[in-house]
Amino acid sequence: MSVDLKKVNEYFANQSFVDGSRPTQADFELLQLLREAPDNFKFPNAARFYRHLSSYAEHERKRFPKAQLPKHFLLQASASQNESKDKKTSHQVQQTVQHSNVSTDERRVHG
């Protein structure tokens, strides 16, 4: 899963944590999905969130309440991206079929 850094950055412009005013397990799930600190110049609010959450020790993190990470933070493959992938796959299949037909025709001529 990938995170939409633009949405994360916008959200944390007005919030400190995913689920309100205190950290939850959802914050740490988001922290893991980020993998590394976001660029402080491009995404200052997301970078601040990352630094803040990274400051908690593992034993502290385990004590925070459970919460669900909202789906709006995650990147969704757009329909146009899926169509593009389908077109590439279709093109690859056509090339394979054409290559196969050429090989068959060559065998008929030389055989």
C-alpha atoms as a PDB file:
ATOM      1  CA  MET A   1       0.000   0.000   0.000  1.00  0.00           C
ATOM      2  CA  SER A   2       1.126   3.505  -0.747  1.00  0.00           C
ATOM      3  CA  VAL A   3       0.260   6.735   0.987  1.00  0.00           C
ATOM      4  CA  ASP A   4      -1.003   9.880  -0.719  1.00  0.00           C
ATOM      5  CA  LEU A   5       1.456  12.372   0.777  1.00  0.00           C
ATOM      6  CA  LYS A   6      -0.505  15.346  -0.515  1.00  0.00           C
ATOM      7  CA  LYS A   7      -3.627  14.232   1.372  1.00  0.00           C
ATOM      8  CA  VAL A   8      -1.616  13.386   4.496  1.00  0.00           C
ATOM      9  CA  ASN A   9       0.060  16.788   4.396  1.00  0.00           C
ATOM     10  CA  GLU A  10      -3.267  18.609   3.957  1.00  0.00           C
ATOM     11  CA  TYR A  11      -4.898  16.648   6.782  1.00  0.00           C
ATOM     12  CA  PHE A  12      -2.120  17.349   9.280  1.00  0.00           C
ATOM     13  CA  ALA A  13      -2.233  21.081   8.577  1.00  0.00           C
ATOM     14  CA  ASN A  14      -5.110  21.162  11.093  1.00  0.00           C
ATOM     15  CA  GLN A  15      -4.664  17.944  13.070  1.00  0.00           C
ATOM     16  CA  SER A  16      -1.946  16.457  15.234  1.00  0.00           C
ATOM     17  CA  PHE A  17      -3.115  12.854  15.030  1.00  0.00           C
ATOM     18  CA  VAL A  18      -5.201  10.653  12.739  1.00  0.00           C
ATOM     19  CA  ASP A  19      -8.029  10.234  15.221  1.00  0.00           C
ATOM     20  CA  GLY A  20      -8.198  13.599  16.937  1.00  0.00           C
ATOM     21  CA  SER A  21      -6.152  15.000  19.798  1.00  0.00           C
ATOM     22  CA  ARG A  22      -4.287  11.897  20.941  1.00  0.00           C
ATOM     23  CA  PRO A  23      -2.249   9.217  19.211  1.00  0.00           C
ATOM     24  CA  THR A  24      -3.758   5.829  18.380  1.00  0.00           C
ATOM     25  CA  GLN A  25      -2.600   2.676  16.646  1.00  0.00           C
ATOM     26  CA  ALA A  26      -3.824   4.228  13.366  1.00  0.00           C
ATOM     27  CA  ASP A  27      -1.093   6.871  13.688  1.00  0.00           C
ATOM     28  CA  PHE A  28       1.556   4.204  13.946  1.00  0.00           C
ATOM     29  CA  GLU A  29       0.069   2.283  11.034  1.00  0.00           C
ATOM     30  CA  LEU A  30       0.359   5.451   8.947  1.00  0.00           C
ATOM     31  CA  LEU A  31       3.909   5.991  10.235  1.00  0.00           C
ATOM     32  CA  GLN A  32       4.885   2.505   9.022  1.00  0.00           C
ATOM     33  CA  LEU A  33       3.308   3.124   5.610  1.00  0.00           C
ATOM     34  CA  LEU A  34       5.304   6.331   5.224  1.00  0.00           C
ATOM     35  CA  ARG A  35       8.548   4.291   5.636  1.00  0.00           C
ATOM     36  CA  GLU A  36      10.702   7.434   5.770  1.00  0.00           C
ATOM     37  CA  ALA A  37      10.340  11.080   6.672  1.00  0.00           C
ATOM     38  CA  PRO A  38       8.539  13.082   3.970  1.00  0.00           C
ATOM     39  CA  ASP A  39      10.373  15.989   2.368  1.00  0.00           C
ATOM     40  CA  ASN A  40      10.089  18.876   4.841  1.00  0.00           C
ATOM     41  CA  PHE A  41       9.825  21.491   2.078  1.00  0.00           C
ATOM     42  CA  LYS A  42       7.191  19.711  -0.034  1.00  0.00           C
ATOM     43  CA  PHE A  43       5.188  18.173   2.817  1.00  0.00           C
ATOM     44  CA  PRO A  44       5.938  20.105   6.037  1.00  0.00           C
ATOM     45  CA  ASN A  45       2.855  18.907   7.942  1.00  0.00           C
ATOM     46  CA  ALA A  46       3.414  15.251   7.032  1.00  0.00           C
ATOM     47  CA  ALA A  47       7.090  15.627   7.994  1.00  0.00           C
ATOM     48  CA  ARG A  48       6.112  17.127  11.361  1.00  0.00           C
ATOM     49  CA  PHE A  49       3.678  14.219  11.955  1.00  0.00           C
ATOM     50  CA  TYR A  50       6.431  11.719  11.085  1.00  0.00           C
ATOM     51  CA  ARG A  51       8.961  13.342  13.443  1.00  0.00           C
ATOM     52  CA  HIS A  52       6.425  13.578  16.263  1.00  0.00           C
ATOM     53  CA  LEU A  53       5.261   9.956  16.009  1.00  0.00           C
ATOM     54  CA  SER A  54       8.801   8.673  15.564  1.00  0.00           C
ATOM     55  CA  SER A  55       9.691  10.160  18.948  1.00  0.00           C
ATOM     56  CA  TYR A  56       7.524   7.606  20.806  1.00  0.00           C
ATOM     57  CA  ALA A  57       9.295   4.528  22.121  1.00  0.00           C
ATOM     58  CA  GLU A  58       7.964   1.075  21.187  1.00  0.00           C
ATOM     59  CA  HIS A  59       6.604   0.419  24.705  1.00  0.00           C
ATOM     60  CA  GLU A  60       4.699   3.738  24.574  1.00  0.00           C
ATOM     61  CA  ARG A  61       3.225   2.954  21.152  1.00  0.00           C
ATOM     62  CA  LYS A  62       1.732  -0.311  22.367  1.00  0.00           C
ATOM     63  CA  ARG A  63      -0.320   1.492  25.018  1.00  0.00           C
ATOM     64  CA  PHE A  64      -2.232   3.705  22.601  1.00  0.00           C
ATOM     65  CA  PRO A  65      -5.812   2.724  21.789  1.00  0.00           C
ATOM     66  CA  LYS A  66      -6.726   0.835  18.655  1.00  0.00           C
ATOM     67  CA  ALA A  67      -8.206   2.785  15.758  1.00  0.00           C
ATOM     68  CA  GLN A  68      -8.783   2.229  12.062  1.00  0.00           C
ATOM     69  CA  LEU A  69      -6.604   4.079   9.554  1.00  0.00           C
ATOM     70  CA  PRO A  70      -8.912   6.053   7.224  1.00  0.00           C
ATOM     71  CA  LYS A  71      -8.739   4.913   3.596  1.00  0.00           C
ATOM     72  CA  HIS A  72      -8.478   8.483   2.283  1.00  0.00           C
ATOM     73  CA  PHE A  73      -4.754   8.495   3.165  1.00  0.00           C
ATOM     74  CA  LEU A  74      -4.078   5.638   0.752  1.00  0.00           C
ATOM     75  CA  LEU A  75      -3.375   5.983  -2.938  1.00  0.00           C
ATOM     76  CA  GLN A  76      -6.006   4.468  -5.182  1.00  0.00           C
ATOM     77  CA  ALA A  77      -5.173   3.312  -8.684  1.00  0.00           C
ATOM     78  CA  SER A  78      -7.196   5.531 -10.977  1.00  0.00           C
ATOM     79  CA  ALA A  79      -9.342   4.138 -13.759  1.00  0.00           C
ATOM     80  CA  SER A  80      -7.039   5.725 -16.340  1.00  0.00           C
ATOM     81  CA  GLN A  81      -4.007   4.002 -14.785  1.00  0.00           C
ATOM     82  CA  ASN A  82      -5.819   0.672 -14.931  1.00  0.00           C
ATOM     83  CA  GLU A  83      -6.850   1.300 -18.548  1.00  0.00           C
ATOM     84  CA  SER A  84      -3.261   2.122 -19.433  1.00  0.00           C
ATOM     85  CA  LYS A  85      -2.066  -1.138 -17.858  1.00  0.00           C
ATOM     86  CA  ASP A  86      -4.763  -3.059 -19.737  1.00  0.00           C
ATOM     87  CA  LYS A  87      -3.707  -1.456 -23.030  1.00  0.00           C
ATOM     88  CA  LYS A  88      -0.053  -2.367 -22.425  1.00  0.00           C
ATOM     89  CA  THR A  89      -0.994  -5.951 -21.634  1.00  0.00           C
ATOM     90  CA  SER A  90      -3.225  -6.137 -24.717  1.00  0.00           C
ATOM     91  CA  HIS A  91      -0.422  -4.748 -26.879  1.00  0.00           C
ATOM     92  CA  GLN A  92       2.033  -7.314 -25.474  1.00  0.00           C
ATOM     93  CA  VAL A  93      -0.400 -10.141 -26.253  1.00  0.00           C
ATOM     94  CA  GLN A  94      -0.860  -8.840 -29.819  1.00  0.00           C
ATOM     95  CA  GLN A  95       2.911  -8.702 -30.320  1.00  0.00           C
ATOM     96  CA  THR A  96       3.284 -12.255 -29.050  1.00  0.00           C
ATOM     97  CA  VAL A  97       0.526 -13.500 -31.377  1.00  0.00           C
ATOM     98  CA  GLN A  98       2.058 -11.652 -34.347  1.00  0.00           C
ATOM     99  CA  HIS A  99       5.491 -13.114 -33.573  1.00  0.00           C
ATOM    100  CA  SER A 100       3.969 -16.573 -33.306  1.00  0.00           C
ATOM    101  CA  ASN A 101       2.220 -16.150 -36.670  1.00  0.00           C
ATOM    102  CA  VAL A 102       5.455 -15.029 -38.357  1.00  0.00           C
ATOM    103  CA  SER A 103       7.277 -18.083 -36.986  1.00  0.00           C
ATOM    104  CA  THR A 104       4.518 -20.372 -38.291  1.00  0.00           C
ATOM    105  CA  ASP A 105       4.602 -18.719 -41.735  1.00  0.00           C
ATOM    106  CA  GLU A 106       8.402 -19.057 -41.876  1.00  0.00           C
ATOM    107  CA  ARG A 107       8.126 -22.778 -41.107  1.00  0.00           C
ATOM    108  CA  ARG A 108       5.638 -23.244 -43.933  1.00  0.00           C
ATOM    109  CA  VAL A 109       7.929 -21.484 -46.433  1.00  0.00           C
ATOM    110  CA  HIS A 110      11.117 -23.248 -45.335  1.00  0.00           C
ATOM    111  CA  GLY A 111       9.599 -26.592 -44.433  1.00  0.00           C
END
